[in-house]
Amino acid sequence: MTKSIDSVKELKQSLSKELIKDGGGNSDRCLDILKRLDESFIDIDVLSKTMVGAVVSKFKTNDDEKVATAAKVLVRKWKKIAKTSGTKKKANAKRSMHRGISNHE
């Protein structure tokens, strides 16, 4: 897992560097980084520890439509991961709560 977090942090840093360049950076470079992020193993733990979504979100309004679209698709994908993870946590909490109630009866 640490390897995944480290590689995502590196990609995030590279993307951040492109963000500060005039015009939102080199489109081909941005697309390459976004593609590599899309291919990386990213779960809720990686998202929360790297905060990569915050940087990628800034590219949703990029002048290059391909970059903007790629960023939007990634953010949607990660929101689903976060939502699914939240749903699982709620379900596990409910199960634990019901077990606790059952044990007291």
C-alpha atoms as a PDB file:
ATOM      1  CA  MET A   1       0.000   0.000   0.000  1.00  0.00           C
ATOM      2  CA  THR A   2       2.828   2.412   0.847  1.00  0.00           C
ATOM      3  CA  LYS A   3       4.207   1.977  -2.660  1.00  0.00           C
ATOM      4  CA  SER A   4       0.838   3.029  -4.103  1.00  0.00           C
ATOM      5  CA  ILE A   5       0.625   6.061  -1.804  1.00  0.00           C
ATOM      6  CA  ASP A   6       4.166   7.110  -2.688  1.00  0.00           C
ATOM      7  CA  SER A   7       3.597   6.793  -6.438  1.00  0.00           C
ATOM      8  CA  VAL A   8       0.320   8.734  -6.206  1.00  0.00           C
ATOM      9  CA  LYS A   9       2.068  11.461  -4.205  1.00  0.00           C
ATOM     10  CA  GLU A  10       4.739  11.708  -6.919  1.00  0.00           C
ATOM     11  CA  LEU A  11       2.096  11.956  -9.642  1.00  0.00           C
ATOM     12  CA  LYS A  12       0.220  14.556  -7.615  1.00  0.00           C
ATOM     13  CA  GLN A  13       3.396  16.606  -7.262  1.00  0.00           C
ATOM     14  CA  SER A  14       4.069  16.396 -11.009  1.00  0.00           C
ATOM     15  CA  LEU A  15       0.514  17.480 -11.745  1.00  0.00           C
ATOM     16  CA  SER A  16       0.829  20.374  -9.285  1.00  0.00           C
ATOM     17  CA  LYS A  17       3.909  21.589 -11.147  1.00  0.00           C
ATOM     18  CA  GLU A  18       1.928  21.628 -14.387  1.00  0.00           C
ATOM     19  CA  LEU A  19      -0.843  23.574 -12.695  1.00  0.00           C
ATOM     20  CA  ILE A  20       1.384  26.525 -11.854  1.00  0.00           C
ATOM     21  CA  LYS A  21       2.657  26.865 -15.422  1.00  0.00           C
ATOM     22  CA  ASP A  22       1.022  29.413 -17.718  1.00  0.00           C
ATOM     23  CA  GLY A  23      -2.045  28.020 -19.441  1.00  0.00           C
ATOM     24  CA  GLY A  24      -2.434  25.071 -17.085  1.00  0.00           C
ATOM     25  CA  GLY A  25       0.719  23.279 -18.204  1.00  0.00           C
ATOM     26  CA  ASN A  26       1.594  20.985 -21.046  1.00  0.00           C
ATOM     27  CA  SER A  27      -1.579  19.186 -22.116  1.00  0.00           C
ATOM     28  CA  ASP A  28       0.205  16.010 -23.192  1.00  0.00           C
ATOM     29  CA  ARG A  29       2.076  15.846 -19.881  1.00  0.00           C
ATOM     30  CA  CYS A  30      -1.140  16.457 -17.917  1.00  0.00           C
ATOM     31  CA  LEU A  31      -2.973  13.759 -19.859  1.00  0.00           C
ATOM     32  CA  ASP A  32      -0.120  11.316 -19.244  1.00  0.00           C
ATOM     33  CA  ILE A  33      -0.194  11.978 -15.494  1.00  0.00           C
ATOM     34  CA  LEU A  34      -4.001  11.720 -15.350  1.00  0.00           C
ATOM     35  CA  LYS A  35      -3.848   8.439 -17.290  1.00  0.00           C
ATOM     36  CA  ARG A  36      -1.240   7.065 -14.876  1.00  0.00           C
ATOM     37  CA  LEU A  37      -3.421   8.100 -11.931  1.00  0.00           C
ATOM     38  CA  ASP A  38      -6.389   6.345 -13.538  1.00  0.00           C
ATOM     39  CA  GLU A  39      -4.326   3.161 -13.880  1.00  0.00           C
ATOM     40  CA  SER A  40      -3.033   3.316 -10.290  1.00  0.00           C
ATOM     41  CA  PHE A  41      -4.564   1.405  -7.403  1.00  0.00           C
ATOM     42  CA  ILE A  42      -6.469   4.084  -5.529  1.00  0.00           C
ATOM     43  CA  ASP A  43      -8.809   3.405  -2.638  1.00  0.00           C
ATOM     44  CA  ILE A  44     -10.241   5.632   0.067  1.00  0.00           C
ATOM     45  CA  ASP A  45      -7.051   5.318   2.123  1.00  0.00           C
ATOM     46  CA  VAL A  46      -4.876   6.546  -0.770  1.00  0.00           C
ATOM     47  CA  LEU A  47      -7.323   9.356  -1.541  1.00  0.00           C
ATOM     48  CA  SER A  48      -7.387  10.609   2.037  1.00  0.00           C
ATOM     49  CA  LYS A  49      -3.643  10.309   2.655  1.00  0.00           C
ATOM     50  CA  THR A  50      -2.550  11.962  -0.603  1.00  0.00           C
ATOM     51  CA  MET A  51      -5.377  14.478  -1.165  1.00  0.00           C
ATOM     52  CA  VAL A  52      -4.757  13.939  -4.883  1.00  0.00           C
ATOM     53  CA  GLY A  53      -8.401  14.700  -5.658  1.00  0.00           C
ATOM     54  CA  ALA A  54      -7.921  18.346  -4.708  1.00  0.00           C
ATOM     55  CA  VAL A  55      -5.218  18.802  -7.356  1.00  0.00           C
ATOM     56  CA  VAL A  56      -7.017  16.796 -10.038  1.00  0.00           C
ATOM     57  CA  SER A  57     -10.213  18.817  -9.442  1.00  0.00           C
ATOM     58  CA  LYS A  58      -8.386  21.992 -10.410  1.00  0.00           C
ATOM     59  CA  PHE A  59      -7.893  20.560 -13.894  1.00  0.00           C
ATOM     60  CA  LYS A  60     -11.652  20.150 -14.488  1.00  0.00           C
ATOM     61  CA  THR A  61     -11.696  23.688 -15.901  1.00  0.00           C
ATOM     62  CA  ASN A  62      -8.515  23.348 -17.964  1.00  0.00           C
ATOM     63  CA  ASP A  63      -8.515  25.121 -21.337  1.00  0.00           C
ATOM     64  CA  ASP A  64      -7.720  21.822 -23.067  1.00  0.00           C
ATOM     65  CA  GLU A  65     -11.005  19.903 -23.253  1.00  0.00           C
ATOM     66  CA  LYS A  66      -9.222  16.524 -23.197  1.00  0.00           C
ATOM     67  CA  VAL A  67      -7.468  17.388 -19.935  1.00  0.00           C
ATOM     68  CA  ALA A  68     -10.680  18.766 -18.419  1.00  0.00           C
ATOM     69  CA  THR A  69     -12.633  15.655 -19.397  1.00  0.00           C
ATOM     70  CA  ALA A  70      -9.965  13.288 -18.065  1.00  0.00           C
ATOM     71  CA  ALA A  71      -9.944  15.162 -14.747  1.00  0.00           C
ATOM     72  CA  LYS A  72     -13.749  15.079 -14.506  1.00  0.00           C
ATOM     73  CA  VAL A  73     -13.830  11.342 -15.189  1.00  0.00           C
ATOM     74  CA  LEU A  74     -11.205  10.665 -12.512  1.00  0.00           C
ATOM     75  CA  VAL A  75     -12.982  12.791  -9.912  1.00  0.00           C
ATOM     76  CA  ARG A  76     -16.284  10.990 -10.633  1.00  0.00           C
ATOM     77  CA  LYS A  77     -14.540   7.623 -10.309  1.00  0.00           C
ATOM     78  CA  TRP A  78     -12.956   8.596  -6.990  1.00  0.00           C
ATOM     79  CA  LYS A  79     -16.224   9.992  -5.641  1.00  0.00           C
ATOM     80  CA  LYS A  80     -17.816   6.601  -6.294  1.00  0.00           C
ATOM     81  CA  ILE A  81     -14.958   4.921  -4.425  1.00  0.00           C
ATOM     82  CA  ALA A  82     -15.426   7.310  -1.496  1.00  0.00           C
ATOM     83  CA  LYS A  83     -19.198   6.829  -1.497  1.00  0.00           C
ATOM     84  CA  THR A  84     -18.884   3.046  -1.635  1.00  0.00           C
ATOM     85  CA  SER A  85     -16.342   3.102   1.159  1.00  0.00           C
ATOM     86  CA  GLY A  86     -18.627   5.271   3.291  1.00  0.00           C
ATOM     87  CA  THR A  87     -21.534   2.914   2.655  1.00  0.00           C
ATOM     88  CA  LYS A  88     -19.447  -0.081   3.729  1.00  0.00           C
ATOM     89  CA  LYS A  89     -18.381   1.673   6.923  1.00  0.00           C
ATOM     90  CA  LYS A  90     -21.998   2.528   7.764  1.00  0.00           C
ATOM     91  CA  ALA A  91     -23.092  -1.059   7.106  1.00  0.00           C
ATOM     92  CA  ASN A  92     -20.299  -2.419   9.302  1.00  0.00           C
ATOM     93  CA  ALA A  93     -21.213   0.019  12.076  1.00  0.00           C
ATOM     94  CA  LYS A  94     -24.870  -1.047  11.889  1.00  0.00           C
ATOM     95  CA  ARG A  95     -23.884  -4.723  12.026  1.00  0.00           C
ATOM     96  CA  SER A  96     -21.684  -4.060  15.062  1.00  0.00           C
ATOM     97  CA  MET A  97     -24.461  -2.132  16.735  1.00  0.00           C
ATOM     98  CA  HIS A  98     -26.993  -4.916  16.090  1.00  0.00           C
ATOM     99  CA  ARG A  99     -24.578  -7.532  17.414  1.00  0.00           C
ATOM    100  CA  GLY A 100     -24.127  -5.457  20.545  1.00  0.00           C
ATOM    101  CA  ILE A 101     -27.888  -5.280  21.046  1.00  0.00           C
ATOM    102  CA  SER A 102     -28.298  -9.014  20.400  1.00  0.00           C
ATOM    103  CA  ASN A 103     -25.611  -9.871  22.932  1.00  0.00           C
ATOM    104  CA  HIS A 104     -27.432  -7.964  25.671  1.00  0.00           C
ATOM    105  CA  GLU A 105     -30.753  -9.777  25.204  1.00  0.00           C
END
